[in-house]
Each structure stands twice: as structure tokens, then as C-alpha cells.
C-alpha atoms as a PDB file:
ATOM      1  CA  MET A   1      -2.777  11.168  10.049  1.00  0.00           C
ATOM      2  CA  ILE A   2      -3.399   7.856   9.217  1.00  0.00           C
ATOM      3  CA  THR A   3      -6.362   8.372   6.619  1.00  0.00           C
ATOM      4  CA  LEU A   4      -4.622  11.287   5.233  1.00  0.00           C
ATOM      5  CA  SER A   5      -1.226   9.205   4.659  1.00  0.00           C
ATOM      6  CA  ALA A   6      -3.573   6.606   2.763  1.00  0.00           C
ATOM      7  CA  SER A   7      -5.079   9.024   1.127  1.00  0.00           C
ATOM      8  CA  HIS A   8      -2.056  10.617  -0.424  1.00  0.00           C
ATOM      9  CA  PHE A   9      -0.882   6.565  -0.689  1.00  0.00           C
ATOM     10  CA  VAL A  10      -4.576   5.614  -3.017  1.00  0.00           C
ATOM     11  CA  LYS A  11      -4.135   8.168  -5.566  1.00  0.00           C
ATOM     12  CA  VAL A  12      -0.158   8.899  -5.866  1.00  0.00           C
ATOM     13  CA  SER A  13       1.667   5.997  -5.151  1.00  0.00           C
ATOM     14  CA  ALA A  14      -0.720   3.309  -6.464  1.00  0.00           C
ATOM     15  CA  GLY A  15      -2.274   5.555  -9.371  1.00  0.00           C
ATOM     16  CA  ALA A  16       1.379   7.418 -10.369  1.00  0.00           C
ATOM     17  CA  LEU A  17       3.248   3.739 -10.442  1.00  0.00           C
ATOM     18  CA  LEU A  18       0.788   2.400 -12.757  1.00  0.00           C
ATOM     19  CA  ILE A  19      -0.803   4.940 -14.577  1.00  0.00           C
ATOM     20  CA  PHE A  20       1.677   7.384 -14.334  1.00  0.00           C
ATOM     21  CA  LEU A  21       5.507   5.547 -14.986  1.00  0.00           C
ATOM     22  CA  PHE A  22       3.794   2.872 -17.606  1.00  0.00           C
ATOM     23  CA  CYS A  23       1.814   5.639 -19.356  1.00  0.00           C
ATOM     24  CA  GLY A  24       3.673   7.046 -23.251  1.00  0.00           C
ATOM     25  CA  ASN A  25       2.578  10.458 -21.352  1.00  0.00           C
ATOM     26  CA  ILE A  26       4.204  11.815 -19.370  1.00  0.00           C
ATOM     27  CA  GLN A  27       1.935  13.669 -17.165  1.00  0.00           C
ATOM     28  CA  PRO A  28      -0.422  11.013 -15.316  1.00  0.00           C
ATOM     29  CA  ALA A  29      -4.056  11.272 -17.353  1.00  0.00           C
ATOM     30  CA  TRP A  30      -5.468   9.757 -15.069  1.00  0.00           C
ATOM     31  CA  LEU A  31      -5.375  12.778 -12.529  1.00  0.00           C
ATOM     32  CA  GLN A  32      -7.358  14.939 -15.687  1.00  0.00           C
ATOM     33  CA  ASN A  33     -10.807  12.635 -15.745  1.00  0.00           C
ATOM     34  CA  GLY A  34     -10.116  10.441 -13.196  1.00  0.00           C
ATOM     35  CA  SER A  35     -10.964   7.001 -16.022  1.00  0.00           C
ATOM     36  CA  GLY A  36      -8.977   3.903 -15.706  1.00  0.00           C
ATOM     37  CA  LYS A  37      -8.670   4.549 -19.616  1.00  0.00           C
ATOM     38  CA  ALA A  38      -6.337   7.142 -20.126  1.00  0.00           C
ATOM     39  CA  PHE A  39      -3.662   4.111 -19.114  1.00  0.00           C
ATOM     40  CA  CYS A  40      -2.048   3.566 -22.304  1.00  0.00           C
ATOM     41  CA  CYS A  41      -2.783   0.838 -24.290  1.00  0.00           C
ATOM     42  CA  ALA A  42      -4.950  -0.322 -27.377  1.00  0.00           C
ATOM     43  CA  ASP A  43      -6.501  -2.964 -26.231  1.00  0.00           C
ATOM     44  CA  THR A  44      -9.648  -2.850 -25.046  1.00  0.00           C
ATOM     45  CA  GLU A  45      -9.952  -5.956 -23.445  1.00  0.00           C
ATOM     46  CA  ARG A  46      -7.192  -4.970 -20.475  1.00  0.00           C
ATOM     47  CA  PRO A  47      -8.743  -4.820 -17.129  1.00  0.00           C
ATOM     48  CA  ASP A  48      -9.947  -0.507 -15.678  1.00  0.00           C
ATOM     49  CA  THR A  49      -6.647  -0.236 -14.112  1.00  0.00           C
ATOM     50  CA  GLU A  50      -7.865   2.268 -12.360  1.00  0.00           C
ATOM     51  CA  TYR A  51      -9.983   0.185 -10.976  1.00  0.00           C
ATOM     52  CA  TYR A  52      -7.731  -1.935  -9.323  1.00  0.00           C
ATOM     53  CA  VAL A  53      -5.682   0.465  -8.110  1.00  0.00           C
ATOM     54  CA  VAL A  54      -8.357   2.221  -5.882  1.00  0.00           C
ATOM     55  CA  GLN A  55     -10.211  -0.691  -4.943  1.00  0.00           C
ATOM     56  CA  GLY A  56      -6.412  -2.337  -3.696  1.00  0.00           C
ATOM     57  CA  ALA A  57      -5.587   0.898  -1.407  1.00  0.00           C
ATOM     58  CA  GLN A  58      -9.264   0.785   0.145  1.00  0.00           C
ATOM     59  CA  GLN A  59      -9.164  -2.715   0.563  1.00  0.00           C
ATOM     60  CA  PHE A  60      -5.738  -2.272   2.218  1.00  0.00           C
ATOM     61  CA  LEU A  61      -7.116   0.446   4.394  1.00  0.00           C
ATOM     62  CA  ASP A  62     -10.781  -1.466   5.038  1.00  0.00           C
ATOM     63  CA  SER A  63      -8.085  -4.295   6.705  1.00  0.00           C
ATOM     64  CA  TYR A  64      -6.235  -1.164   8.593  1.00  0.00           C
ATOM     65  CA  SER A  65      -8.942   0.282  10.155  1.00  0.00           C
ATOM     66  CA  ASN A  66     -10.922  -3.527  11.374  1.00  0.00           C
ATOM     67  CA  LEU A  67      -7.060  -4.209  13.234  1.00  0.00           C
ATOM     68  CA  LEU A  68      -7.615  -0.557  14.735  1.00  0.00           C
ATOM     69  CA  MET A  69     -10.876  -1.571  16.421  1.00  0.00           C
ATOM     70  CA  PHE A  70      -9.449  -4.392  17.615  1.00  0.00           C
ATOM     71  CA  MET A  71      -7.230  -2.562  18.952  1.00  0.00           C
ATOM     72  CA  GLN A  72      -9.810   0.018  20.647  1.00  0.00           C
ATOM     73  CA  LYS A  73     -12.068  -3.126  21.954  1.00  0.00           C
ATOM     74  CA  THR A  74      -9.620  -5.000  23.186  1.00  0.00           C
ATOM     75  CA  GLU A  75      -7.885  -1.877  25.413  1.00  0.00           C
ATOM     76  CA  SER A  76     -11.625  -0.310  26.397  1.00  0.00           C
ATOM     77  CA  GLY A  77     -12.097  -3.968  27.932  1.00  0.00           C
ATOM     78  CA  ALA A  78      -9.033  -3.869  29.821  1.00  0.00           C
ATOM     79  CA  ALA A  79      -9.392  -0.711  30.751  1.00  0.00           C
ATOM     80  CA  GLU A  80     -13.410  -0.348  31.777  1.00  0.00           C
ATOM     81  CA  ASN A  81     -13.852  -4.005  31.841  1.00  0.00           C
ATOM     82  CA  ILE A  82     -15.981  -4.346  29.350  1.00  0.00           C
ATOM     83  CA  ASN A  83     -17.683  -6.962  27.157  1.00  0.00           C
ATOM     84  CA  THR A  84     -14.985  -7.830  24.037  1.00  0.00           C
ATOM     85  CA  ASP A  85     -16.671 -10.528  22.034  1.00  0.00           C
ATOM     86  CA  ASP A  86     -17.190  -8.214  19.112  1.00  0.00           C
ATOM     87  CA  ALA A  87     -14.321  -7.679  19.062  1.00  0.00           C
ATOM     88  CA  GLY A  88     -13.280 -11.316  16.786  1.00  0.00           C
ATOM     89  CA  PHE A  89     -15.657  -9.256  14.519  1.00  0.00           C
ATOM     90  CA  TYR A  90     -12.794  -6.996  13.573  1.00  0.00           C
ATOM     91  CA  LEU A  91     -10.587  -9.216  12.775  1.00  0.00           C
ATOM     92  CA  ALA A  92     -12.524 -11.137  11.159  1.00  0.00           C
ATOM     93  CA  LYS A  93     -13.339  -8.455   8.792  1.00  0.00           C
ATOM     94  CA  ALA A  94      -9.532  -7.696   8.447  1.00  0.00           C
ATOM     95  CA  LEU A  95      -8.302 -10.994   7.154  1.00  0.00           C
ATOM     96  CA  GLU A  96     -11.574 -10.921   4.794  1.00  0.00           C
ATOM     97  CA  ASN A  97     -10.625  -7.368   3.810  1.00  0.00           C
ATOM     98  CA  MET A  98      -6.809  -8.263   2.738  1.00  0.00           C
ATOM     99  CA  LYS A  99      -7.121 -11.434   1.441  1.00  0.00           C
ATOM    100  CA  ALA A 100      -9.570  -8.981  -0.945  1.00  0.00           C
ATOM    101  CA  ALA A 101      -6.343  -6.439  -1.290  1.00  0.00           C
ATOM    102  CA  ASN A 102      -4.190  -9.432  -1.441  1.00  0.00           C
ATOM    103  CA  ASP A 103      -6.148 -10.527  -4.934  1.00  0.00           C
ATOM    104  CA  THR A 104      -6.289  -6.887  -6.038  1.00  0.00           C
ATOM    105  CA  TYR A 105      -2.706  -6.670  -5.708  1.00  0.00           C
ATOM    106  CA  PHE A 106      -2.157  -9.848  -7.653  1.00  0.00           C
ATOM    107  CA  LYS A 107      -3.891  -8.206 -10.146  1.00  0.00           C
ATOM    108  CA  LEU A 108      -1.841  -5.418 -10.315  1.00  0.00           C
ATOM    109  CA  LYS A 109       1.033  -6.730 -10.986  1.00  0.00           C
ATOM    110  CA  THR A 110       0.262  -9.315 -13.445  1.00  0.00           C
ATOM    111  CA  ILE A 111      -1.163  -6.470 -15.627  1.00  0.00           C
ATOM    112  CA  ALA A 112       2.495  -4.083 -14.485  1.00  0.00           C
ATOM    113  CA  ALA A 113       4.121  -6.999 -15.937  1.00  0.00           C
ATOM    114  CA  GLN A 114       2.482  -6.748 -18.928  1.00  0.00           C
ATOM    115  CA  THR A 115       3.021  -3.946 -19.978  1.00  0.00           C
ATOM    116  CA  PRO A 116       6.339  -1.775 -21.084  1.00  0.00           C
ATOM    117  CA  TYR A 117       7.463   1.327 -19.563  1.00  0.00           C
ATOM    118  CA  ASN A 118       7.665   4.476 -19.917  1.00  0.00           C
ATOM    119  CA  LEU A 119      11.595   4.815 -20.638  1.00  0.00           C
ATOM    120  CA  ILE A 120      11.378   8.629 -19.784  1.00  0.00           C
ATOM    121  CA  VAL A 121       9.830   8.453 -16.275  1.00  0.00           C
ATOM    122  CA  ILE A 122      12.323   5.041 -15.679  1.00  0.00           C
ATOM    123  CA  TYR A 123      15.318   8.089 -16.321  1.00  0.00           C
ATOM    124  CA  ARG A 124      13.956  10.305 -14.055  1.00  0.00           C
ATOM    125  CA  LEU A 125      14.228   7.319 -11.217  1.00  0.00           C
ATOM    126  CA  LYS A 126      17.407   6.278 -12.271  1.00  0.00           C
ATOM    127  CA  SER A 127      18.879   9.695 -12.307  1.00  0.00           C
ATOM    128  CA  PHE A 128      16.694  11.128  -9.184  1.00  0.00           C
ATOM    129  CA  ASP A 129      18.897  12.731  -5.899  1.00  0.00           C
ATOM    130  CA  TYR A 130      17.228  10.512  -3.252  1.00  0.00           C
ATOM    131  CA  ASP A 131      19.850  10.935  -0.708  1.00  0.00           C
ATOM    132  CA  GLY A 132      19.706  14.849  -1.374  1.00  0.00           C
ATOM    133  CA  PHE A 133      15.718  14.320  -0.957  1.00  0.00           C
ATOM    134  CA  TYR A 134      15.231  12.406   1.964  1.00  0.00           C
ATOM    135  CA  ASN A 135      17.911  14.703   3.804  1.00  0.00           C
ATOM    136  CA  SER A 136      15.963  17.921   2.844  1.00  0.00           C
ATOM    137  CA  ASN A 137      12.433  16.666   3.393  1.00  0.00           C
ATOM    138  CA  LEU A 138      12.325  13.344   5.187  1.00  0.00           C
ATOM    139  CA  LYS A 139      15.231  13.170   7.941  1.00  0.00           C
ATOM    140  CA  ASN A 140      14.838  11.566  10.935  1.00  0.00           C
ATOM    141  CA  LEU A 141      11.941   9.328  10.071  1.00  0.00           C
ATOM    142  CA  ASN A 142      12.429   5.488   8.990  1.00  0.00           C
ATOM    143  CA  SER A 143      15.262   5.831   7.418  1.00  0.00           C
ATOM    144  CA  GLN A 144      15.050   1.638   6.305  1.00  0.00           C
ATOM    145  CA  ILE A 145      12.283   2.031   5.035  1.00  0.00           C
ATOM    146  CA  PHE A 146      12.684   4.630   2.571  1.00  0.00           C
ATOM    147  CA  SER A 147      16.342   3.045   1.451  1.00  0.00           C
ATOM    148  CA  ASP A 148      14.303   0.258   0.599  1.00  0.00           C
ATOM    149  CA  ALA A 149      12.119   2.226  -1.100  1.00  0.00           C
ATOM    150  CA  LYS A 150      15.173   3.897  -3.286  1.00  0.00           C
ATOM    151  CA  THR A 151      16.353   0.025  -4.048  1.00  0.00           C
ATOM    152  CA  TYR A 152      13.576  -0.495  -6.179  1.00  0.00           C
ATOM    153  CA  LEU A 153      12.905   3.002  -7.683  1.00  0.00           C
ATOM    154  CA  LEU A 154      16.805   3.534  -8.227  1.00  0.00           C
ATOM    155  CA  LYS A 155      16.799   0.680 -10.527  1.00  0.00           C
ATOM    156  CA  GLY A 156      13.120   1.518 -12.038  1.00  0.00           C
ATOM    157  CA  ASP A 157      11.893  -1.270 -11.290  1.00  0.00           C
ATOM    158  CA  VAL A 158       8.269  -0.492 -10.242  1.00  0.00           C
ATOM    159  CA  ARG A 159       7.413  -3.766 -10.851  1.00  0.00           C
ATOM    160  CA  GLY A 160       9.295  -5.032  -7.906  1.00  0.00           C
ATOM    161  CA  ILE A 161       7.490  -2.286  -5.935  1.00  0.00           C
ATOM    162  CA  TYR A 162       3.972  -3.551  -6.777  1.00  0.00           C
ATOM    163  CA  ALA A 163       5.160  -7.482  -6.400  1.00  0.00           C
ATOM    164  CA  LYS A 164       6.602  -6.555  -2.821  1.00  0.00           C
ATOM    165  CA  MET A 165       3.153  -4.809  -1.891  1.00  0.00           C
ATOM    166  CA  TYR A 166       1.330  -8.172  -3.133  1.00  0.00           C
ATOM    167  CA  ALA A 167       4.446  -9.793  -0.869  1.00  0.00           C
ATOM    168  CA  ASN A 168       3.577  -7.702   1.926  1.00  0.00           C
ATOM    169  CA  THR A 169      -0.493  -8.733   1.632  1.00  0.00           C
ATOM    170  CA  SER A 170       0.661 -12.014   1.707  1.00  0.00           C
ATOM    171  CA  GLU A 171       2.678 -11.624   4.712  1.00  0.00           C
ATOM    172  CA  LEU A 172      -0.282  -9.693   6.380  1.00  0.00           C
ATOM    173  CA  ILE A 173      -2.300 -12.827   5.709  1.00  0.00           C
ATOM    174  CA  ASP A 174      -0.325 -14.661   8.461  1.00  0.00           C
ATOM    175  CA  ALA A 175      -0.309 -12.300  10.290  1.00  0.00           C
ATOM    176  CA  VAL A 176      -3.862 -11.361  11.320  1.00  0.00           C
ATOM    177  CA  SER A 177      -4.959 -15.125  10.633  1.00  0.00           C
ATOM    178  CA  GLY A 178      -1.954 -15.688  13.755  1.00  0.00           C
ATOM    179  CA  MET A 179      -4.092 -12.756  15.644  1.00  0.00           C
ATOM    180  CA  ILE A 180      -7.055 -15.110  14.884  1.00  0.00           C
ATOM    181  CA  THR A 181      -5.522 -17.987  16.042  1.00  0.00           C
ATOM    182  CA  ALA A 182      -5.057 -16.635  20.034  1.00  0.00           C
ATOM    183  CA  TYR A 183      -8.082 -14.471  20.326  1.00  0.00           C
ATOM    184  CA  GLU A 184     -10.027 -17.735  20.002  1.00  0.00           C
ATOM    185  CA  SER A 185      -7.997 -19.447  21.623  1.00  0.00           C
ATOM    186  CA  GLY A 186      -9.034 -17.692  24.615  1.00  0.00           C
ATOM    187  CA  SER A 187      -5.817 -14.687  24.621  1.00  0.00           C
ATOM    188  CA  ILE A 188      -8.287 -10.999  24.190  1.00  0.00           C
ATOM    189  CA  GLN A 189      -4.915  -9.021  23.225  1.00  0.00           C
ATOM    190  CA  PRO A 190      -2.239 -11.306  21.430  1.00  0.00           C
ATOM    191  CA  LEU A 191      -0.154  -8.539  21.787  1.00  0.00           C
ATOM    192  CA  SER A 192       3.008 -10.534  20.182  1.00  0.00           C
ATOM    193  CA  GLN A 193       0.963 -11.143  17.013  1.00  0.00           C
ATOM    194  CA  THR A 194      -0.933  -7.451  16.924  1.00  0.00           C
ATOM    195  CA  TRP A 195       2.148  -5.622  17.272  1.00  0.00           C
ATOM    196  CA  ARG A 196       3.113  -7.431  14.213  1.00  0.00           C
ATOM    197  CA  ALA A 197       0.401  -6.970  12.378  1.00  0.00           C
ATOM    198  CA  ASN A 198       0.543  -2.959  13.401  1.00  0.00           C
ATOM    199  CA  TYR A 199       4.332  -2.780  12.435  1.00  0.00           C
ATOM    200  CA  LEU A 200       3.399  -4.224   9.000  1.00  0.00           C
ATOM    201  CA  PHE A 201       0.098  -2.418   8.102  1.00  0.00           C
ATOM    202  CA  SER A 202       2.134   0.951   8.916  1.00  0.00           C
ATOM    203  CA  GLY A 203       5.526   0.068   7.216  1.00  0.00           C
ATOM    204  CA  THR A 204       3.551  -0.637   3.590  1.00  0.00           C
ATOM    205  CA  LEU A 205       1.679   2.901   3.833  1.00  0.00           C
ATOM    206  CA  LEU A 206       4.814   4.353   4.630  1.00  0.00           C
ATOM    207  CA  PHE A 207       6.682   2.619   1.904  1.00  0.00           C
ATOM    208  CA  GLY A 208       3.974   3.654  -0.533  1.00  0.00           C
ATOM    209  CA  GLN A 209       4.122   7.365   1.306  1.00  0.00           C
ATOM    210  CA  PHE A 210       7.991   7.382   0.313  1.00  0.00           C
ATOM    211  CA  VAL A 211       7.768   5.808  -2.979  1.00  0.00           C
ATOM    212  CA  ALA A 212       4.518   9.052  -3.700  1.00  0.00           C
ATOM    213  CA  GLU A 213       6.457  11.376  -2.343  1.00  0.00           C
ATOM    214  CA  VAL A 214       9.217  10.550  -5.439  1.00  0.00           C
ATOM    215  CA  PHE A 215       7.316  10.361  -7.840  1.00  0.00           C
ATOM    216  CA  ASN A 216       5.355  13.809  -6.835  1.00  0.00           C
ATOM    217  CA  ASN A 217       9.144  15.008  -7.233  1.00  0.00           C
ATOM    218  CA  ILE A 218       9.847  14.128 -10.050  1.00  0.00           C
ATOM    219  CA  ASP A 219       6.515  15.145 -12.214  1.00  0.00           C
ATOM    220  CA  ALA A 220       7.453  18.516 -10.715  1.00  0.00           C
ATOM    221  CA  LYS A 221      10.095  19.064 -12.554  1.00  0.00           C
END
């Protein structure tokens, strides 16, 4: 389940936001050829945006995967009374991956700040029926996270979405670092830190998926 949602997040939320929105062509050309060069910019010195989009999402997911492995190892240790010394390895990898994702999202945020918006797409975002879409497709799911996504999209503030992703990964670095501190002090399962990190990870994925679904919908019009 997590992998499927994550793939949606990688291919649509991240890619559509940076390439589809800022490109002068309303159709996301990167879907046709998979090349970051489809990003509408005559400057050949510009970084490969598709590379950063996919890399950031991959690093984020690698970090979450390692957090879940840590949880699995500690759960197994508690249930089966086995040694969980290797659980700390997964926490260290989760932190390493999240620091890499944070750096990548900073690069994405910087590129977005330097790239003009596609005003046609901005208009579609501002005129989209968010409440109708939520009630028809997402009712009874996490309304607060959808409301957060709607706040950005309704204003056409896609740069703000990337800033949020950067801020979320910064917060996750702090959360995982706290888990490592607790674990190294002898707490086999630092529950409060684990719950906080898991909430931040899953909330960020869900935020990205909601954004992706809106972009899919306006692209279909």
C-alpha cells in the first residue's frame, strides 16, 4: 500500500508540480519521453529537474522504508525476545536518506523560485472545485491534510508546496535524530519519537497524493 501511494507521489505529485506547472506546454511532455530536458527552459545550464524530482522522492521513500524496518525489527525483538542490535542500523540509514532528500528538495525549491509559472495551469488550480472533488472522491479520508493541500493549490502557490516539502524533510531530520538519541540511550522502542516520525512521514506522503490527484484531475479536463 505504501509503495503504490509513493509511486503516485513520485510520478505525478513531484513531476507534475515542477515540470507540468512551469512548462509552457499544457501537456506534461516528460510523460512522453521521460527526459528532464522537457522542462521549458532555453538555458542549457539549468539542472535536470526530472532527476531531482525522482531523486528526492526516492530518497524520501528510502528513509521511510528504513524507519519501517526499524519498527519491524524492534517489534520482532519485543515479540520473540531476539536481539535487535541491528535495528540501529536502519535508523542511521533513515537519517542519512532524509538528509539527502532535504538537500534535493532544497534544490527543487530553488529551481521553482527561478522558473515562471504556466498561467493557464494556475488559473485551473484557482478555479478548481476542491470541495466537490473531495466529497466525491476523498470523503471520510484525512480532511485536514487535504485542506492544507487545498490552501496552497487554491492560491496557485506551487512554490509554497515545495517549500513545505523542504520544511517537512527538515522536521523529519529532527524527528529521526531524536529517535537515534533515545535508542542509543538504551530505549529499544522510543515510542513517542517513533509515532511522531511515522505521522510526519505518512502525512507528507498523503499531502503529496492529494496534490497529485488534483493535478491529474485538471489535466484530464
